[in-house]
Amino acid sequence: MLETLKPQYIMGTCTSVSSLEKALALKHKTVLMAQVGPPGFYKDNNPYVFGIHVNSDTYPLPALQSLRFHINGERKSIAKQPVRVIYRTKSEFFYSTCRSVIDKAILDGFDTTAIEYDPEGDEDDNGVLNKDDVAFLEGMADQACPSGPVDGSEDAQHPALFACVTAGVEAGTILARWRANGCRPGVTWFTTATWGWAESNKDTIPFFQGGGQWHKNFAYSDQYFDSGQDVLDYGVSAYGYHGNYDHVVSYAIPLLFSQHIKSFFRIQNTPDVVGAFENNYEEMRRALLVLRTETIFGPVSFNEDQRNAGRGAAGMQWIPSSSSEKHIQLFENELSE
């Protein structure tokens, strides 16, 4: 199709073929707007690969930031605040997301413990993979938050618990163990804390924190829709399609391409768009590097790795319905420090 149609842009699919799309972009020297969050995807210096997703490494940072603000407000010692992080390897998303909060916690001076495991391994040689081994998972849970309440000393602080794990056996076992052993965390952040998981775990999620690319309460708009939620609602009414944040991003990309073209020709009354694509494609590619624009997905600009640094991730915390009419608190991580 690329040989036949010769497009000027490629819109990424956010699927398992993303790596193939990257190779094709280089082969055909065509700009790819990828929909991939983990940072490793953008590290091979492919000049044609741009990323509209915000860095998934930033997902847990709002939770750590709010914890730091709380500790400073209470005039307690950051060095005495336990931060415990359980995370799986074998996935760049899980690995890099939790490594980011580990690195930041260490940099900030928290009492930090990283608990890494291979989900496909068999740590205790019992013939059960770690990801399905209840005893193994319970052991990690105990390491992160030992049995019993926090002691009553003045300096004692409830642990902040971060987990980059899958829903199902992993998350379910760890949470059940903490509930059973009296663990009382000050912060609980899980990669599983998404909308679908929250709907299925209403007794589990109060005060849980999570993060992601987009949130339905974002107020970003464009000339056609007042919000990303309006895009999703239109998809349902017009096509019967129930989309998610990928739908919002995919809708935003063609408009981003049009804004790139408009920006490139902003001072020309009669622009030769076809000629520019045919004869000055590299100049247009470089112009995308410095583009700063607003989209329904939020502000978009590109950093040195050619990925979106226009805004931070969406940080979320579920609160009990008895505490508020709204079950979700949203805060966007600006990463302004």
C-alpha atoms as a PDB file:
ATOM      1  CA  MET A   1       0.000   0.000   0.000  1.00  0.00           C
ATOM      2  CA  LEU A   2       2.853   2.379   0.772  1.00  0.00           C
ATOM      3  CA  GLU A   3       4.397   1.600  -2.616  1.00  0.00           C
ATOM      4  CA  THR A   4       1.106   2.195  -4.415  1.00  0.00           C
ATOM      5  CA  LEU A   5      -0.425   5.138  -2.566  1.00  0.00           C
ATOM      6  CA  LYS A   6       2.819   6.860  -1.523  1.00  0.00           C
ATOM      7  CA  PRO A   7       1.299   8.665   1.485  1.00  0.00           C
ATOM      8  CA  GLN A   8       3.019  11.649   3.067  1.00  0.00           C
ATOM      9  CA  TYR A   9       2.242  10.416   6.599  1.00  0.00           C
ATOM     10  CA  ILE A  10       1.623   7.095   8.325  1.00  0.00           C
ATOM     11  CA  MET A  11      -0.779   6.910  11.267  1.00  0.00           C
ATOM     12  CA  GLY A  12       0.342   4.331  13.825  1.00  0.00           C
ATOM     13  CA  THR A  13      -2.071   1.618  14.878  1.00  0.00           C
ATOM     14  CA  CYS A  14      -1.136   1.047  18.554  1.00  0.00           C
ATOM     15  CA  THR A  15      -0.951  -2.712  17.923  1.00  0.00           C
ATOM     16  CA  SER A  16       1.615  -5.499  17.953  1.00  0.00           C
ATOM     17  CA  VAL A  17       2.748  -4.444  14.465  1.00  0.00           C
ATOM     18  CA  SER A  18       4.066  -1.088  15.691  1.00  0.00           C
ATOM     19  CA  SER A  19       7.671  -2.225  15.196  1.00  0.00           C
ATOM     20  CA  LEU A  20       6.888  -3.153  11.598  1.00  0.00           C
ATOM     21  CA  GLU A  21       5.385   0.290  11.039  1.00  0.00           C
ATOM     22  CA  LYS A  22       8.596   1.822  12.319  1.00  0.00           C
ATOM     23  CA  ALA A  23      10.697  -0.194   9.876  1.00  0.00           C
ATOM     24  CA  LEU A  24       8.407   0.722   6.984  1.00  0.00           C
ATOM     25  CA  ALA A  25       8.602   4.411   7.872  1.00  0.00           C
ATOM     26  CA  LEU A  26      12.382   4.269   7.583  1.00  0.00           C
ATOM     27  CA  LYS A  27      12.318   2.212   4.392  1.00  0.00           C
ATOM     28  CA  HIS A  28       9.919   4.595   2.662  1.00  0.00           C
ATOM     29  CA  LYS A  29      11.262   7.740   4.369  1.00  0.00           C
ATOM     30  CA  THR A  30       7.774   8.680   5.497  1.00  0.00           C
ATOM     31  CA  VAL A  31       6.756  10.292   8.787  1.00  0.00           C
ATOM     32  CA  LEU A  32       5.066   7.846  11.169  1.00  0.00           C
ATOM     33  CA  MET A  33       2.943   9.194  14.022  1.00  0.00           C
ATOM     34  CA  ALA A  34       3.222   6.246  16.390  1.00  0.00           C
ATOM     35  CA  GLN A  35       0.828   5.390  19.202  1.00  0.00           C
ATOM     36  CA  VAL A  36       3.296   3.754  21.586  1.00  0.00           C
ATOM     37  CA  GLY A  37       3.928   4.831  25.189  1.00  0.00           C
ATOM     38  CA  PRO A  38       7.141   3.123  26.453  1.00  0.00           C
ATOM     39  CA  PRO A  39      10.337   5.078  25.726  1.00  0.00           C
ATOM     40  CA  GLY A  40      12.410   2.289  24.183  1.00  0.00           C
ATOM     41  CA  PHE A  41      10.376   2.428  20.985  1.00  0.00           C
ATOM     42  CA  TYR A  42      11.896   5.832  20.208  1.00  0.00           C
ATOM     43  CA  LYS A  43      15.545   5.144  21.056  1.00  0.00           C
ATOM     44  CA  ASP A  44      16.879   3.848  17.727  1.00  0.00           C
ATOM     45  CA  ASN A  45      17.251   7.279  16.108  1.00  0.00           C
ATOM     46  CA  ASN A  46      14.750   6.667  13.327  1.00  0.00           C
ATOM     47  CA  PRO A  47      14.234  10.214  12.001  1.00  0.00           C
ATOM     48  CA  TYR A  48      10.780   9.427  10.631  1.00  0.00           C
ATOM     49  CA  VAL A  49       9.225   8.127  13.848  1.00  0.00           C
ATOM     50  CA  PHE A  50       7.256  10.587  15.995  1.00  0.00           C
ATOM     51  CA  GLY A  51       5.104   9.625  18.966  1.00  0.00           C
ATOM     52  CA  ILE A  52       1.850  11.295  19.976  1.00  0.00           C
ATOM     53  CA  HIS A  53       1.468   9.273  23.179  1.00  0.00           C
ATOM     54  CA  VAL A  54       2.921  10.856  26.308  1.00  0.00           C
ATOM     55  CA  ASN A  55       5.691   8.907  27.980  1.00  0.00           C
ATOM     56  CA  SER A  56       4.154   6.035  29.952  1.00  0.00           C
ATOM     57  CA  ASP A  57       7.066   6.350  32.369  1.00  0.00           C
ATOM     58  CA  THR A  58       5.305   9.395  33.802  1.00  0.00           C
ATOM     59  CA  TYR A  59       2.162   7.488  34.842  1.00  0.00           C
ATOM     60  CA  PRO A  60       3.083   6.887  38.522  1.00  0.00           C
ATOM     61  CA  LEU A  61       4.899  10.167  39.141  1.00  0.00           C
ATOM     62  CA  PRO A  62       1.835  12.238  40.177  1.00  0.00           C
ATOM     63  CA  ALA A  63       1.203   9.773  43.021  1.00  0.00           C
ATOM     64  CA  LEU A  64       4.776  10.108  44.248  1.00  0.00           C
ATOM     65  CA  GLN A  65       4.594  13.873  43.874  1.00  0.00           C
ATOM     66  CA  SER A  66       1.413  14.088  45.964  1.00  0.00           C
ATOM     67  CA  LEU A  67       3.027  11.890  48.617  1.00  0.00           C
ATOM     68  CA  ARG A  68       6.012  14.225  48.787  1.00  0.00           C
ATOM     69  CA  PHE A  69       3.742  17.258  49.163  1.00  0.00           C
ATOM     70  CA  HIS A  70       1.864  15.510  51.965  1.00  0.00           C
ATOM     71  CA  ILE A  71       5.031  14.568  53.843  1.00  0.00           C
ATOM     72  CA  ASN A  72       6.421  18.075  53.533  1.00  0.00           C
ATOM     73  CA  GLY A  73       3.119  19.486  54.780  1.00  0.00           C
ATOM     74  CA  GLU A  74       3.193  17.158  57.775  1.00  0.00           C
ATOM     75  CA  ARG A  75       6.841  18.092  58.389  1.00  0.00           C
ATOM     76  CA  LYS A  76       7.841  14.447  58.379  1.00  0.00           C
ATOM     77  CA  SER A  77      11.052  12.913  57.110  1.00  0.00           C
ATOM     78  CA  ILE A  78      11.110  11.787  53.483  1.00  0.00           C
ATOM     79  CA  ALA A  79      14.053   9.530  54.329  1.00  0.00           C
ATOM     80  CA  LYS A  80      11.813   7.574  56.719  1.00  0.00           C
ATOM     81  CA  GLN A  81       8.960   7.167  54.236  1.00  0.00           C
ATOM     82  CA  PRO A  82       8.939   3.614  52.809  1.00  0.00           C
ATOM     83  CA  VAL A  83       8.336   3.319  49.069  1.00  0.00           C
ATOM     84  CA  ARG A  84       7.973  -0.269  47.886  1.00  0.00           C
ATOM     85  CA  VAL A  85       7.713  -1.141  44.205  1.00  0.00           C
ATOM     86  CA  ILE A  86       6.735  -4.549  42.784  1.00  0.00           C
ATOM     87  CA  TYR A  87       7.220  -4.886  39.043  1.00  0.00           C
ATOM     88  CA  ARG A  88       7.520  -7.490  36.339  1.00  0.00           C
ATOM     89  CA  THR A  89      10.173  -7.818  33.681  1.00  0.00           C
ATOM     90  CA  LYS A  90       9.476  -9.205  30.180  1.00  0.00           C
ATOM     91  CA  SER A  91       7.542  -6.079  29.289  1.00  0.00           C
ATOM     92  CA  GLU A  92       9.030  -2.683  28.617  1.00  0.00           C
ATOM     93  CA  PHE A  93       5.809  -1.006  29.713  1.00  0.00           C
ATOM     94  CA  PHE A  94       5.732  -2.631  33.152  1.00  0.00           C
ATOM     95  CA  TYR A  95       9.490  -2.451  33.601  1.00  0.00           C
ATOM     96  CA  SER A  96      10.067   1.138  32.493  1.00  0.00           C
ATOM     97  CA  THR A  97       6.937   2.480  34.209  1.00  0.00           C
ATOM     98  CA  CYS A  98       7.926   1.206  37.635  1.00  0.00           C
ATOM     99  CA  ARG A  99      11.628   1.891  37.128  1.00  0.00           C
ATOM    100  CA  SER A 100      10.722   5.548  36.630  1.00  0.00           C
ATOM    101  CA  VAL A 101       9.094   5.793  40.067  1.00  0.00           C
ATOM    102  CA  ILE A 102      11.970   3.843  41.641  1.00  0.00           C
ATOM    103  CA  ASP A 103      14.544   6.215  40.169  1.00  0.00           C
ATOM    104  CA  LYS A 104      12.527   9.286  41.168  1.00  0.00           C
ATOM    105  CA  ALA A 105      11.925   7.991  44.701  1.00  0.00           C
ATOM    106  CA  ILE A 106      15.633   7.318  45.187  1.00  0.00           C
ATOM    107  CA  LEU A 107      16.491  10.752  43.803  1.00  0.00           C
ATOM    108  CA  ASP A 108      14.015  12.389  46.197  1.00  0.00           C
ATOM    109  CA  GLY A 109      15.476  10.536  49.174  1.00  0.00           C
ATOM    110  CA  PHE A 110      12.669   8.084  49.980  1.00  0.00           C
ATOM    111  CA  ASP A 111      13.402   4.769  51.707  1.00  0.00           C
ATOM    112  CA  THR A 112      13.019   2.811  48.479  1.00  0.00           C
ATOM    113  CA  THR A 113      12.886  -0.940  47.870  1.00  0.00           C
ATOM    114  CA  ALA A 114      12.527  -2.387  44.364  1.00  0.00           C
ATOM    115  CA  ILE A 115      11.068  -5.901  44.062  1.00  0.00           C
ATOM    116  CA  GLU A 116      11.588  -7.217  40.537  1.00  0.00           C
ATOM    117  CA  TYR A 117      10.383 -10.569  39.247  1.00  0.00           C
ATOM    118  CA  ASP A 118      10.298 -12.584  36.048  1.00  0.00           C
ATOM    119  CA  PRO A 119       6.649 -13.539  35.415  1.00  0.00           C
ATOM    120  CA  GLU A 120       7.716 -16.443  33.207  1.00  0.00           C
ATOM    121  CA  GLY A 121      10.262 -17.754  35.713  1.00  0.00           C
ATOM    122  CA  ASP A 122       9.827 -20.348  38.448  1.00  0.00           C
ATOM    123  CA  GLU A 123      11.552 -18.853  41.464  1.00  0.00           C
ATOM    124  CA  ASP A 124      10.822 -21.719  43.865  1.00  0.00           C
ATOM    125  CA  ASP A 125      11.121 -24.548  41.290  1.00  0.00           C
ATOM    126  CA  ASN A 126       7.655 -25.878  42.040  1.00  0.00           C
ATOM    127  CA  GLY A 127       6.591 -26.156  38.417  1.00  0.00           C
ATOM    128  CA  VAL A 128       4.313 -23.092  38.568  1.00  0.00           C
ATOM    129  CA  LEU A 129       5.258 -19.904  36.737  1.00  0.00           C
ATOM    130  CA  ASN A 130       5.789 -16.924  39.021  1.00  0.00           C
ATOM    131  CA  LYS A 131       2.836 -15.067  37.498  1.00  0.00           C
ATOM    132  CA  ASP A 132       0.501 -17.901  38.587  1.00  0.00           C
ATOM    133  CA  ASP A 133       2.277 -18.943  41.787  1.00  0.00           C
ATOM    134  CA  VAL A 134       0.153 -17.718  44.685  1.00  0.00           C
ATOM    135  CA  ALA A 135       2.796 -18.521  47.308  1.00  0.00           C
ATOM    136  CA  PHE A 136       5.455 -16.638  45.353  1.00  0.00           C
ATOM    137  CA  LEU A 137       3.206 -13.618  44.834  1.00  0.00           C
ATOM    138  CA  GLU A 138       2.245 -13.596  48.509  1.00  0.00           C
ATOM    139  CA  GLY A 139       5.929 -13.600  49.393  1.00  0.00           C
ATOM    140  CA  MET A 140       6.482 -10.472  47.313  1.00  0.00           C
ATOM    141  CA  ALA A 141       3.456  -8.861  48.925  1.00  0.00           C
ATOM    142  CA  ASP A 142       4.902  -9.578  52.382  1.00  0.00           C
ATOM    143  CA  GLN A 143       8.252  -8.151  51.330  1.00  0.00           C
ATOM    144  CA  ALA A 144       6.578  -4.926  50.194  1.00  0.00           C
ATOM    145  CA  CYS A 145       4.249  -4.600  53.182  1.00  0.00           C
ATOM    146  CA  PRO A 146       4.981  -7.000  56.073  1.00  0.00           C
ATOM    147  CA  SER A 147       2.267  -8.390  58.276  1.00  0.00           C
ATOM    148  CA  GLY A 148       0.900  -6.134  60.968  1.00  0.00           C
ATOM    149  CA  PRO A 149       0.115  -2.421  61.287  1.00  0.00           C
ATOM    150  CA  VAL A 150       2.634   0.404  61.297  1.00  0.00           C
ATOM    151  CA  ASP A 151       4.135   0.798  64.754  1.00  0.00           C
ATOM    152  CA  GLY A 152       2.908   3.641  66.925  1.00  0.00           C
ATOM    153  CA  SER A 153       6.107   5.670  67.023  1.00  0.00           C
ATOM    154  CA  GLU A 154       5.951   9.303  66.013  1.00  0.00           C
ATOM    155  CA  ASP A 155       8.151   8.797  62.959  1.00  0.00           C
ATOM    156  CA  ALA A 156       6.397   5.663  61.701  1.00  0.00           C
ATOM    157  CA  GLN A 157       4.886   6.115  58.235  1.00  0.00           C
ATOM    158  CA  HIS A 158       2.580   3.933  56.201  1.00  0.00           C
ATOM    159  CA  PRO A 159       4.313   2.480  53.126  1.00  0.00           C
ATOM    160  CA  ALA A 160       3.670   3.806  49.641  1.00  0.00           C
ATOM    161  CA  LEU A 161       3.057   0.798  47.412  1.00  0.00           C
ATOM    162  CA  PHE A 162       3.490   0.788  43.637  1.00  0.00           C
ATOM    163  CA  ALA A 163       2.831  -2.285  41.489  1.00  0.00           C
ATOM    164  CA  CYS A 164       3.380  -2.827  37.775  1.00  0.00           C
ATOM    165  CA  VAL A 165       1.535  -6.131  37.481  1.00  0.00           C
ATOM    166  CA  THR A 166      -1.270  -7.661  35.481  1.00  0.00           C
ATOM    167  CA  ALA A 167      -4.880  -7.885  36.554  1.00  0.00           C
ATOM    168  CA  GLY A 168      -6.142 -11.273  37.639  1.00  0.00           C
ATOM    169  CA  VAL A 169      -3.892 -13.595  39.629  1.00  0.00           C
ATOM    170  CA  GLU A 170      -1.034 -11.140  40.161  1.00  0.00           C
ATOM    171  CA  ALA A 171      -2.971  -8.093  41.348  1.00  0.00           C
ATOM    172  CA  GLY A 172      -5.660 -10.168  43.041  1.00  0.00           C
ATOM    173  CA  THR A 173      -3.206 -12.246  45.071  1.00  0.00           C
ATOM    174  CA  ILE A 174      -1.095  -9.291  46.172  1.00  0.00           C
ATOM    175  CA  LEU A 175      -4.105  -7.237  47.245  1.00  0.00           C
ATOM    176  CA  ALA A 176      -5.737 -10.148  49.058  1.00  0.00           C
ATOM    177  CA  ARG A 177      -2.511 -10.754  50.968  1.00  0.00           C
ATOM    178  CA  TRP A 178      -2.252  -7.134  52.038  1.00  0.00           C
ATOM    179  CA  ARG A 179      -5.838  -7.084  53.223  1.00  0.00           C
ATOM    180  CA  ALA A 180      -5.328 -10.306  55.145  1.00  0.00           C
ATOM    181  CA  ASN A 181      -2.065  -9.341  56.846  1.00  0.00           C
ATOM    182  CA  GLY A 182      -3.178  -5.921  58.063  1.00  0.00           C
ATOM    183  CA  CYS A 183      -1.137  -3.860  55.595  1.00  0.00           C
ATOM    184  CA  ARG A 184      -2.298  -0.235  55.635  1.00  0.00           C
ATOM    185  CA  PRO A 185      -0.517   1.685  52.867  1.00  0.00           C
ATOM    186  CA  GLY A 186      -0.420   5.452  52.651  1.00  0.00           C
ATOM    187  CA  VAL A 187      -0.436   5.318  48.836  1.00  0.00           C
ATOM    188  CA  THR A 188      -1.439   2.472  46.526  1.00  0.00           C
ATOM    189  CA  TRP A 189      -0.697   2.842  42.807  1.00  0.00           C
ATOM    190  CA  PHE A 190      -1.307  -0.012  40.361  1.00  0.00           C
ATOM    191  CA  THR A 191      -1.020  -0.266  36.591  1.00  0.00           C
ATOM    192  CA  THR A 192      -4.264  -2.245  36.767  1.00  0.00           C
ATOM    193  CA  ALA A 193      -6.210   0.737  38.164  1.00  0.00           C
ATOM    194  CA  THR A 194      -8.009   1.459  34.900  1.00  0.00           C
ATOM    195  CA  TRP A 195     -11.686   2.204  34.300  1.00  0.00           C
ATOM    196  CA  GLY A 196     -12.625  -1.370  33.432  1.00  0.00           C
ATOM    197  CA  TRP A 197     -10.760  -2.837  36.387  1.00  0.00           C
ATOM    198  CA  ALA A 198     -12.291  -0.276  38.718  1.00  0.00           C
ATOM    199  CA  GLU A 199     -15.806  -1.150  37.577  1.00  0.00           C
ATOM    200  CA  SER A 200     -15.120  -4.813  38.356  1.00  0.00           C
ATOM    201  CA  ASN A 201     -13.433  -4.150  41.703  1.00  0.00           C
ATOM    202  CA  LYS A 202     -15.570  -1.496  43.365  1.00  0.00           C
ATOM    203  CA  ASP A 203     -14.835  -2.863  46.830  1.00  0.00           C
ATOM    204  CA  THR A 204     -11.106  -2.790  46.135  1.00  0.00           C
ATOM    205  CA  ILE A 205     -10.512   0.538  44.464  1.00  0.00           C
ATOM    206  CA  PRO A 206     -11.279   3.265  47.066  1.00  0.00           C
ATOM    207  CA  PHE A 207      -8.270   5.587  47.189  1.00  0.00           C
ATOM    208  CA  PHE A 208      -6.382   3.558  44.580  1.00  0.00           C
ATOM    209  CA  GLN A 209      -4.308   5.593  42.169  1.00  0.00           C
ATOM    210  CA  GLY A 210      -3.510   4.917  38.553  1.00  0.00           C
ATOM    211  CA  GLY A 211      -2.314   6.696  35.449  1.00  0.00           C
ATOM    212  CA  GLY A 212      -2.832   6.769  31.728  1.00  0.00           C
ATOM    213  CA  GLN A 213      -2.708   8.620  28.440  1.00  0.00           C
ATOM    214  CA  TRP A 214      -6.042  10.396  28.637  1.00  0.00           C
ATOM    215  CA  HIS A 215      -9.035  10.986  30.873  1.00  0.00           C
ATOM    216  CA  LYS A 216     -12.632  11.725  29.935  1.00  0.00           C
ATOM    217  CA  ASN A 217     -12.647  14.817  32.159  1.00  0.00           C
ATOM    218  CA  PHE A 218      -9.894  16.497  30.127  1.00  0.00           C
ATOM    219  CA  ALA A 219     -11.188  19.842  28.856  1.00  0.00           C
ATOM    220  CA  TYR A 220      -9.220  19.869  25.583  1.00  0.00           C
ATOM    221  CA  SER A 221     -11.256  20.610  22.470  1.00  0.00           C
ATOM    222  CA  ASP A 222     -10.954  21.385  18.764  1.00  0.00           C
ATOM    223  CA  GLN A 223     -13.056  22.983  16.045  1.00  0.00           C
ATOM    224  CA  TYR A 224     -15.331  19.949  15.807  1.00  0.00           C
ATOM    225  CA  PHE A 225     -15.752  18.584  19.329  1.00  0.00           C
ATOM    226  CA  ASP A 226     -15.771  20.141  22.787  1.00  0.00           C
ATOM    227  CA  SER A 227     -13.971  17.222  24.419  1.00  0.00           C
ATOM    228  CA  GLY A 228     -12.509  13.805  23.804  1.00  0.00           C
ATOM    229  CA  GLN A 229     -15.559  12.306  25.471  1.00  0.00           C
ATOM    230  CA  ASP A 230     -17.670  13.950  22.770  1.00  0.00           C
ATOM    231  CA  VAL A 231     -15.565  12.099  20.185  1.00  0.00           C
ATOM    232  CA  LEU A 232     -16.308   8.803  21.916  1.00  0.00           C
ATOM    233  CA  ASP A 233     -20.013   9.633  22.221  1.00  0.00           C
ATOM    234  CA  TYR A 234     -20.153  10.430  18.516  1.00  0.00           C
ATOM    235  CA  GLY A 235     -18.514   7.113  17.701  1.00  0.00           C
ATOM    236  CA  VAL A 236     -21.262   5.319  19.596  1.00  0.00           C
ATOM    237  CA  SER A 237     -24.143   7.311  18.102  1.00  0.00           C
ATOM    238  CA  ALA A 238     -22.880   7.312  14.514  1.00  0.00           C
ATOM    239  CA  TYR A 239     -21.231   3.897  14.240  1.00  0.00           C
ATOM    240  CA  GLY A 240     -22.151   1.908  17.334  1.00  0.00           C
ATOM    241  CA  TYR A 241     -18.461   1.820  18.214  1.00  0.00           C
ATOM    242  CA  HIS A 242     -17.497   2.036  21.885  1.00  0.00           C
ATOM    243  CA  GLY A 243     -13.983   3.458  21.799  1.00  0.00           C
ATOM    244  CA  ASN A 244     -11.393   4.379  24.398  1.00  0.00           C
ATOM    245  CA  TYR A 245      -8.437   6.751  24.540  1.00  0.00           C
ATOM    246  CA  ASP A 246      -6.971   5.170  21.381  1.00  0.00           C
ATOM    247  CA  HIS A 247     -10.066   6.386  19.532  1.00  0.00           C
ATOM    248  CA  VAL A 248      -9.453   9.941  20.762  1.00  0.00           C
ATOM    249  CA  VAL A 249      -5.774   9.807  19.792  1.00  0.00           C
ATOM    250  CA  SER A 250      -6.486   8.305  16.373  1.00  0.00           C
ATOM    251  CA  TYR A 251      -9.018  11.051  15.713  1.00  0.00           C
ATOM    252  CA  ALA A 252      -6.483  13.713  16.731  1.00  0.00           C
ATOM    253  CA  ILE A 253      -3.642  12.534  14.475  1.00  0.00           C
ATOM    254  CA  PRO A 254      -5.030  13.581  11.043  1.00  0.00           C
ATOM    255  CA  LEU A 255      -5.827  17.020  12.459  1.00  0.00           C
ATOM    256  CA  LEU A 256      -2.285  17.179  13.820  1.00  0.00           C
ATOM    257  CA  PHE A 257      -0.985  16.456  10.312  1.00  0.00           C
ATOM    258  CA  SER A 258      -3.133  19.283   8.924  1.00  0.00           C
ATOM    259  CA  GLN A 259      -1.797  21.649  11.584  1.00  0.00           C
ATOM    260  CA  HIS A 260       1.729  20.675  10.590  1.00  0.00           C
ATOM    261  CA  ILE A 261       1.021  21.574   6.966  1.00  0.00           C
ATOM    262  CA  LYS A 262      -0.653  24.864   7.906  1.00  0.00           C
ATOM    263  CA  SER A 263       2.249  25.789  10.143  1.00  0.00           C
ATOM    264  CA  PHE A 264       4.797  25.054   7.416  1.00  0.00           C
ATOM    265  CA  PHE A 265       3.016  27.337   4.932  1.00  0.00           C
ATOM    266  CA  ARG A 266       1.757  29.946   7.379  1.00  0.00           C
ATOM    267  CA  ILE A 267       3.382  32.932   5.611  1.00  0.00           C
ATOM    268  CA  GLN A 268       2.587  31.871   2.030  1.00  0.00           C
ATOM    269  CA  ASN A 269      -0.550  33.057   0.293  1.00  0.00           C
ATOM    270  CA  THR A 270      -0.405  30.419  -2.468  1.00  0.00           C
ATOM    271  CA  PRO A 271       1.464  27.442  -1.014  1.00  0.00           C
ATOM    272  CA  ASP A 272       2.674  24.635  -3.274  1.00  0.00           C
ATOM    273  CA  VAL A 273       1.846  21.762  -0.940  1.00  0.00           C
ATOM    274  CA  VAL A 274       2.374  19.010  -3.509  1.00  0.00           C
ATOM    275  CA  GLY A 275       5.691  20.474  -4.558  1.00  0.00           C
ATOM    276  CA  ALA A 276       6.862  20.763  -0.966  1.00  0.00           C
ATOM    277  CA  PHE A 277       6.083  17.118  -0.272  1.00  0.00           C
ATOM    278  CA  GLU A 278       7.844  16.049  -3.460  1.00  0.00           C
ATOM    279  CA  ASN A 279      10.915  18.280  -3.233  1.00  0.00           C
ATOM    280  CA  ASN A 280      11.267  19.487   0.383  1.00  0.00           C
ATOM    281  CA  TYR A 281      10.106  16.534   2.452  1.00  0.00           C
ATOM    282  CA  GLU A 282      13.110  16.643   4.778  1.00  0.00           C
ATOM    283  CA  GLU A 283      12.507  20.314   5.489  1.00  0.00           C
ATOM    284  CA  MET A 284       8.888  19.539   6.312  1.00  0.00           C
ATOM    285  CA  ARG A 285       9.952  16.673   8.576  1.00  0.00           C
ATOM    286  CA  ARG A 286      12.243  19.023  10.491  1.00  0.00           C
ATOM    287  CA  ALA A 287       9.379  21.520  10.810  1.00  0.00           C
ATOM    288  CA  LEU A 288       7.383  18.857  12.647  1.00  0.00           C
ATOM    289  CA  LEU A 289      10.156  18.717  15.244  1.00  0.00           C
ATOM    290  CA  VAL A 290       9.440  22.272  16.358  1.00  0.00           C
ATOM    291  CA  LEU A 291       5.650  22.215  15.989  1.00  0.00           C
ATOM    292  CA  ARG A 292       3.714  23.282  19.071  1.00  0.00           C
ATOM    293  CA  THR A 293      -0.021  23.004  18.780  1.00  0.00           C
ATOM    294  CA  GLU A 294      -3.256  22.247  20.618  1.00  0.00           C
ATOM    295  CA  THR A 295      -5.299  19.121  19.946  1.00  0.00           C
ATOM    296  CA  ILE A 296      -8.274  17.397  21.526  1.00  0.00           C
ATOM    297  CA  PHE A 297      -5.699  15.036  23.072  1.00  0.00           C
ATOM    298  CA  GLY A 298      -4.008  18.028  24.680  1.00  0.00           C
ATOM    299  CA  PRO A 299      -0.973  20.182  23.816  1.00  0.00           C
ATOM    300  CA  VAL A 300       1.458  18.464  21.455  1.00  0.00           C
ATOM    301  CA  SER A 301       5.147  19.189  21.026  1.00  0.00           C
ATOM    302  CA  PHE A 302       8.089  16.874  20.490  1.00  0.00           C
ATOM    303  CA  ASN A 303      11.221  16.357  22.575  1.00  0.00           C
ATOM    304  CA  GLU A 304      14.671  15.178  21.516  1.00  0.00           C
ATOM    305  CA  ASP A 305      13.333  11.634  21.053  1.00  0.00           C
ATOM    306  CA  GLN A 306      10.559  12.953  18.787  1.00  0.00           C
ATOM    307  CA  ARG A 307       7.808  12.006  21.187  1.00  0.00           C
ATOM    308  CA  ASN A 308       5.027  14.087  22.663  1.00  0.00           C
ATOM    309  CA  ALA A 309       6.137  16.212  25.608  1.00  0.00           C
ATOM    310  CA  GLY A 310       3.283  18.709  25.402  1.00  0.00           C
ATOM    311  CA  ARG A 311       1.715  17.557  28.666  1.00  0.00           C
ATOM    312  CA  GLY A 312       2.113  14.975  31.384  1.00  0.00           C
ATOM    313  CA  ALA A 313       0.134  11.821  31.982  1.00  0.00           C
ATOM    314  CA  ALA A 314      -3.337  11.675  33.479  1.00  0.00           C
ATOM    315  CA  GLY A 315      -3.091  10.770  37.157  1.00  0.00           C
ATOM    316  CA  MET A 316      -6.248   9.343  38.730  1.00  0.00           C
ATOM    317  CA  GLN A 317      -7.485   8.402  42.176  1.00  0.00           C
ATOM    318  CA  TRP A 318     -10.741   6.632  42.932  1.00  0.00           C
ATOM    319  CA  ILE A 319     -12.569   7.809  46.037  1.00  0.00           C
ATOM    320  CA  PRO A 320     -15.566   6.260  47.824  1.00  0.00           C
ATOM    321  CA  SER A 321     -18.939   7.433  46.561  1.00  0.00           C
ATOM    322  CA  SER A 322     -19.841   8.413  50.119  1.00  0.00           C
ATOM    323  CA  SER A 323     -17.068  11.002  50.069  1.00  0.00           C
ATOM    324  CA  SER A 324     -18.101  12.774  46.901  1.00  0.00           C
ATOM    325  CA  GLU A 325     -20.649  12.755  44.124  1.00  0.00           C
ATOM    326  CA  LYS A 326     -17.769  12.014  41.817  1.00  0.00           C
ATOM    327  CA  HIS A 327     -15.989   8.696  42.126  1.00  0.00           C
ATOM    328  CA  ILE A 328     -12.812   9.909  40.476  1.00  0.00           C
ATOM    329  CA  GLN A 329     -10.325  12.631  41.158  1.00  0.00           C
ATOM    330  CA  LEU A 330      -8.237  13.698  38.192  1.00  0.00           C
ATOM    331  CA  PHE A 331      -4.937  15.469  38.276  1.00  0.00           C
ATOM    332  CA  GLU A 332      -2.587  16.045  35.378  1.00  0.00           C
ATOM    333  CA  ASN A 333       1.122  15.692  35.923  1.00  0.00           C
ATOM    334  CA  GLU A 334       2.785  18.793  34.520  1.00  0.00           C
ATOM    335  CA  LEU A 335       6.270  17.623  35.523  1.00  0.00           C
ATOM    336  CA  SER A 336       7.238  21.233  36.080  1.00  0.00           C
ATOM    337  CA  GLU A 337       9.929  20.599  38.653  1.00  0.00           C
END
